Protein backbone atom coordinates (compact mmCIF):
# COMPACT_ATOMS: atom_id res chain seq x y z
CA MET A 1 55.53 -19.28 -14.54
CA SER A 2 54.34 -20.21 -18.04
CA THR A 3 51.60 -22.80 -18.22
CA VAL A 4 49.82 -24.53 -21.07
CA ARG A 5 46.13 -25.40 -21.04
CA ARG A 6 45.99 -29.00 -22.20
CA PRO A 7 43.13 -30.21 -24.45
CA VAL A 8 40.19 -31.72 -22.57
CA ILE A 9 37.89 -32.78 -25.43
CA ALA A 10 40.41 -34.35 -27.82
CA GLY A 11 39.23 -37.88 -28.51
CA THR A 12 35.58 -37.01 -27.85
CA PHE A 13 34.62 -33.82 -29.69
CA TYR A 14 37.36 -34.26 -32.28
CA PRO A 15 40.09 -36.83 -33.07
CA ASP A 16 43.09 -36.97 -30.75
CA ASP A 17 45.40 -38.36 -33.42
CA PRO A 18 47.10 -35.36 -35.10
CA ALA A 19 47.14 -36.85 -38.61
CA VAL A 20 43.51 -37.95 -38.41
CA LEU A 21 42.48 -34.57 -36.98
CA GLU A 22 44.24 -32.60 -39.70
CA ARG A 23 42.72 -34.75 -42.46
CA SER A 24 39.29 -34.38 -40.87
CA VAL A 25 39.49 -30.60 -40.70
CA HIS A 26 40.72 -30.38 -44.29
CA SER A 27 37.80 -32.59 -45.36
CA PHE A 28 35.28 -30.29 -43.68
CA LEU A 29 36.84 -27.22 -45.29
CA GLU A 30 36.98 -28.79 -48.74
CA GLY A 31 33.29 -29.71 -48.48
CA ALA A 32 32.18 -26.16 -47.62
CA PRO A 33 31.16 -23.67 -50.33
CA ASP A 34 33.25 -20.58 -50.98
CA PRO A 35 31.60 -17.53 -49.35
CA SER A 36 30.93 -14.43 -51.40
CA VAL A 37 32.03 -11.98 -48.71
CA GLN A 38 35.19 -11.12 -46.82
CA SER A 39 34.83 -11.06 -43.06
CA ARG A 40 36.26 -9.27 -40.09
CA ALA A 41 34.41 -11.53 -37.67
CA LEU A 42 32.72 -14.93 -37.72
CA ILE A 43 29.99 -16.61 -35.70
CA ALA A 44 30.42 -20.40 -35.73
CA PRO A 45 29.15 -23.44 -33.74
CA HIS A 46 31.06 -25.44 -31.15
CA ALA A 47 29.67 -28.98 -30.93
CA GLY A 48 31.61 -32.15 -31.69
CA HIS A 49 33.16 -32.01 -35.14
CA PRO A 50 30.95 -34.76 -36.66
CA TYR A 51 27.89 -32.69 -35.68
CA SER A 52 28.80 -29.04 -36.16
CA GLY A 53 31.99 -29.36 -38.20
CA PRO A 54 30.33 -29.05 -41.63
CA VAL A 55 28.53 -25.85 -40.56
CA ALA A 56 31.59 -24.38 -38.83
CA ALA A 57 33.58 -25.03 -42.00
CA SER A 58 31.09 -22.89 -43.92
CA ALA A 59 32.18 -19.96 -41.76
CA TYR A 60 35.88 -20.76 -41.74
CA ARG A 61 36.07 -20.82 -45.53
CA ALA A 62 35.81 -17.02 -45.34
CA TRP A 63 39.31 -17.10 -43.80
CA ARG A 64 40.78 -19.64 -46.21
CA ASP A 65 43.31 -17.19 -47.70
CA HIS A 66 44.39 -15.64 -44.41
CA ALA A 67 47.30 -17.93 -43.50
CA GLY A 68 50.35 -15.77 -42.90
CA THR A 69 48.35 -12.54 -42.68
CA VAL A 70 46.22 -13.04 -39.55
CA ARG A 71 48.44 -12.77 -36.49
CA ARG A 72 45.86 -12.68 -33.72
CA VAL A 73 42.37 -14.12 -33.10
CA LEU A 74 40.02 -12.97 -30.35
CA LEU A 75 37.84 -16.01 -29.58
CA ILE A 76 34.81 -15.62 -27.30
CA GLY A 77 32.55 -18.48 -26.22
CA PRO A 78 29.97 -19.06 -23.50
CA SER A 79 30.64 -20.75 -20.18
CA HIS A 80 28.92 -24.14 -19.92
CA ARG A 81 30.40 -25.42 -16.65
CA VAL A 82 31.32 -22.50 -14.40
CA ALA A 83 28.87 -19.80 -13.31
CA PHE A 84 30.47 -16.38 -12.92
CA ARG A 85 29.95 -12.73 -13.72
CA GLY A 86 31.86 -10.98 -16.44
CA LEU A 87 34.39 -12.08 -19.04
CA ALA A 88 37.37 -14.30 -18.24
CA LEU A 89 40.79 -14.32 -19.88
CA PRO A 90 43.29 -17.04 -18.89
CA SER A 91 46.71 -16.70 -17.29
CA HIS A 92 48.17 -19.45 -19.50
CA SER A 93 50.96 -18.91 -21.99
CA ALA A 94 49.44 -21.27 -24.57
CA PHE A 95 46.45 -23.47 -25.41
CA ALA A 96 47.29 -26.92 -26.77
CA THR A 97 45.58 -29.29 -29.18
CA PRO A 98 46.91 -32.49 -30.81
CA LEU A 99 48.16 -30.21 -33.61
CA GLY A 100 50.45 -28.27 -31.26
CA ASP A 101 50.50 -25.25 -28.97
CA ILE A 102 48.88 -21.91 -29.78
CA PRO A 103 50.60 -19.03 -27.98
CA ILE A 104 48.42 -16.66 -25.97
CA ASP A 105 48.93 -12.95 -26.62
CA ARG A 106 49.64 -12.05 -23.00
CA ALA A 107 50.07 -8.32 -23.70
CA THR A 108 46.63 -8.03 -25.29
CA CYS A 109 45.08 -10.13 -22.52
CA GLN A 110 46.55 -7.83 -19.87
CA GLN A 111 45.29 -4.79 -21.74
CA LEU A 112 41.76 -6.16 -22.12
CA ALA A 113 41.68 -7.29 -18.48
CA THR A 114 41.61 -3.64 -17.42
CA LEU A 115 38.14 -3.17 -18.92
CA PRO A 116 35.07 -3.17 -16.62
CA GLY A 117 33.74 -6.69 -16.10
CA VAL A 118 36.85 -8.34 -17.59
CA GLY A 119 39.43 -10.27 -15.56
CA ILE A 120 41.99 -13.06 -15.49
CA ALA A 121 40.57 -16.40 -14.31
CA ASP A 122 41.58 -19.92 -15.34
CA GLN A 123 38.71 -21.91 -13.83
CA PRO A 124 36.16 -20.97 -16.54
CA HIS A 125 38.64 -22.16 -19.18
CA ALA A 126 39.65 -25.44 -17.51
CA ALA A 127 36.91 -27.72 -18.89
CA GLU A 128 35.22 -25.41 -21.39
CA HIS A 129 34.64 -26.83 -24.88
CA SER A 130 33.18 -23.77 -26.60
CA LEU A 131 36.66 -22.40 -27.34
CA GLU A 132 38.73 -25.55 -27.69
CA VAL A 133 36.58 -27.10 -30.41
CA HIS A 134 37.49 -24.22 -32.76
CA LEU A 135 41.24 -24.40 -32.29
CA PRO A 136 42.08 -27.20 -34.76
CA PHE A 137 40.21 -25.33 -37.50
CA LEU A 138 42.18 -22.18 -36.75
CA GLN A 139 45.48 -24.06 -36.70
CA VAL A 140 44.83 -25.67 -40.08
CA LEU A 141 43.58 -22.42 -41.62
CA LEU A 142 45.97 -19.86 -40.21
CA GLY A 143 49.12 -21.73 -39.32
CA SER A 144 51.04 -19.54 -36.88
CA PHE A 145 48.97 -17.04 -34.89
CA GLN A 146 48.35 -15.81 -31.35
CA LEU A 147 45.14 -16.42 -29.44
CA VAL A 148 43.14 -14.13 -27.15
CA PRO A 149 40.62 -16.55 -25.56
CA VAL A 150 37.64 -15.26 -23.59
CA VAL A 151 34.96 -17.23 -21.74
CA ALA A 152 31.76 -15.23 -21.25
CA GLY A 153 29.80 -15.62 -18.05
CA GLN A 154 26.95 -13.35 -17.01
CA ALA A 155 27.85 -10.22 -18.95
CA THR A 156 26.03 -7.47 -20.80
CA ALA A 157 26.10 -6.81 -24.52
CA GLU A 158 27.77 -3.51 -23.70
CA GLN A 159 30.62 -5.26 -21.85
CA VAL A 160 31.23 -7.64 -24.74
CA CYS A 161 31.01 -4.80 -27.25
CA ALA A 162 33.56 -2.77 -25.28
CA LEU A 163 35.93 -5.74 -25.35
CA LEU A 164 35.57 -6.06 -29.12
CA GLU A 165 36.10 -2.34 -29.61
CA ALA A 166 39.27 -2.45 -27.51
CA PHE A 167 40.68 -5.25 -29.66
CA PRO A 168 42.89 -3.68 -32.37
CA ASN A 169 41.08 -3.28 -35.69
CA ASP A 170 43.59 -3.97 -38.43
CA GLY A 171 44.27 -6.52 -41.11
CA GLU A 172 46.22 -8.78 -38.76
CA ASN A 173 43.36 -9.36 -36.30
CA ARG A 174 40.13 -11.34 -36.50
CA ILE A 175 37.19 -12.05 -34.16
CA LEU A 176 35.47 -15.40 -33.70
CA ILE A 177 32.20 -15.76 -31.75
CA SER A 178 31.27 -19.26 -30.60
CA THR A 179 27.65 -20.41 -30.25
CA ASP A 180 25.22 -23.17 -31.06
CA LEU A 181 21.55 -22.40 -31.71
CA SER A 182 18.47 -24.23 -30.37
CA HIS A 183 18.89 -27.33 -28.21
CA PHE A 184 17.00 -30.64 -28.04
CA HIS A 185 13.87 -29.94 -30.06
CA ALA A 186 12.34 -32.15 -32.71
CA TYR A 187 13.79 -31.53 -36.17
CA GLU A 188 11.09 -29.30 -37.69
CA GLU A 189 10.61 -27.30 -34.48
CA ALA A 190 14.35 -26.70 -34.32
CA ARG A 191 14.34 -25.51 -37.92
CA ARG A 192 11.55 -23.04 -37.13
CA ILE A 193 13.33 -21.68 -34.05
CA ASP A 194 16.67 -21.39 -35.83
CA ARG A 195 15.14 -19.60 -38.83
CA ASN A 196 13.71 -17.02 -36.47
CA THR A 197 17.01 -16.71 -34.58
CA THR A 198 18.83 -16.24 -37.89
CA ARG A 199 16.47 -13.42 -38.85
CA ARG A 200 17.19 -11.75 -35.52
CA ILE A 201 20.93 -12.13 -36.00
CA GLU A 202 20.71 -10.69 -39.52
CA THR A 203 18.79 -7.67 -38.23
CA LEU A 204 21.35 -7.13 -35.44
CA SER A 205 19.03 -7.85 -32.52
CA THR A 206 20.88 -7.65 -29.23
CA ASP A 207 18.41 -9.47 -26.99
CA LEU A 208 18.86 -13.10 -28.01
CA ARG A 209 18.05 -15.56 -25.23
CA GLY A 210 19.72 -18.75 -24.10
CA GLU A 211 17.05 -20.96 -25.62
CA GLU A 212 17.82 -19.42 -29.01
CA ALA A 213 21.61 -19.53 -28.77
CA CYS A 214 23.71 -20.88 -25.91
CA GLY A 215 26.29 -18.23 -26.78
CA HIS A 216 23.76 -15.41 -26.64
CA VAL A 217 26.02 -13.32 -24.38
CA PRO A 218 28.92 -13.01 -26.86
CA VAL A 219 26.54 -12.95 -29.84
CA ASN A 220 24.50 -10.05 -28.44
CA GLY A 221 27.71 -8.15 -27.79
CA ALA A 222 28.99 -8.85 -31.30
CA LEU A 223 25.72 -7.66 -32.84
CA LEU A 224 25.87 -4.46 -30.80
CA PHE A 225 29.44 -4.05 -32.03
CA ALA A 226 28.19 -4.54 -35.59
CA ARG A 227 25.50 -1.89 -35.13
CA LYS A 228 27.97 0.65 -33.76
CA ASN A 229 30.56 0.03 -36.45
CA GLY A 230 28.39 -0.20 -39.56
CA LEU A 231 28.80 -3.93 -40.08
CA GLN A 232 26.27 -6.28 -41.64
CA VAL A 233 25.63 -9.97 -40.99
CA HIS A 234 25.56 -12.44 -43.84
CA THR A 235 24.25 -15.97 -43.22
CA LEU A 236 26.36 -18.74 -44.72
CA ASP A 237 24.80 -21.93 -43.35
CA VAL A 238 22.08 -23.00 -40.91
CA ARG A 239 21.58 -26.69 -40.19
CA ASN A 240 21.19 -28.98 -37.20
CA SER A 241 22.48 -32.31 -35.98
CA GLY A 242 19.60 -34.03 -37.76
CA ASP A 243 21.14 -32.86 -41.02
CA THR A 244 24.79 -33.54 -40.21
CA ALA A 245 24.51 -36.67 -38.07
CA GLY A 246 21.69 -38.39 -39.95
CA ARG A 247 17.96 -38.85 -39.94
CA HIS A 248 18.08 -41.32 -37.07
CA MET A 249 18.85 -38.42 -34.70
CA ARG A 250 15.95 -36.10 -35.54
CA ASP A 251 13.91 -36.42 -32.36
CA ARG A 252 16.28 -34.21 -30.27
CA VAL A 253 18.57 -32.04 -32.37
CA VAL A 254 20.92 -29.13 -31.79
CA GLY A 255 20.98 -26.19 -34.20
CA TYR A 256 24.10 -24.70 -35.77
CA GLY A 257 24.64 -21.50 -37.73
CA ALA A 258 27.54 -19.93 -39.62
CA TYR A 259 27.55 -16.16 -40.10
CA VAL A 260 30.02 -13.46 -41.12
CA LEU A 261 30.16 -9.83 -40.00
CA HIS A 262 31.41 -7.67 -42.83
């Protein structure tokens, strides 16, 4: 039986009114600079739109001309609420936001679920924000497309890399890795940590830790994938909530980074 995963963070992480949400996403995209590189894959943050939206938009601008050409997006984010081993694909037929339903590519999900450490499980997806927060951006940018959503639990870089390598590599497919950077440090300390993390991402380190990036599991796998496939990382934007949400919030900030693999 077909089921739809309903949005769980609409009205908190992003507006639940469709018209307001669409205007908000367009505003973020219009305020982001045009990147100088084309990208096969992005790394973008997943906090509430007022906090991470400006940085995420810096990554998404790399896909601004892809509406009508990208048919499928593999989206991988970390599990914040459910502890489990491996990588979880959902059984749902669609993921919904206030902007409408995004169909799940069931055939690709079934194919990927045969890989070691990968399975079908809905519980990790039920309340997870690290994927949902990206969906309105993708809907505005790409229009009609299919989604392959993956929540990463305790998994190795090799398992994530194998998943990415099994995902078809052609002009109709793109990869999106979801992560924030440092959490709850004072502003200048967060900037220092995030600069170091960015250097490690740019040099394709595959041993990032949770205190550097909450999505270190999918990021490490993506960087291993980049190493094996001759890709480079280009940094587009690194800021934190003290920059995007105002100076009054600089005692405990969260870091955000936007990167492209090309």
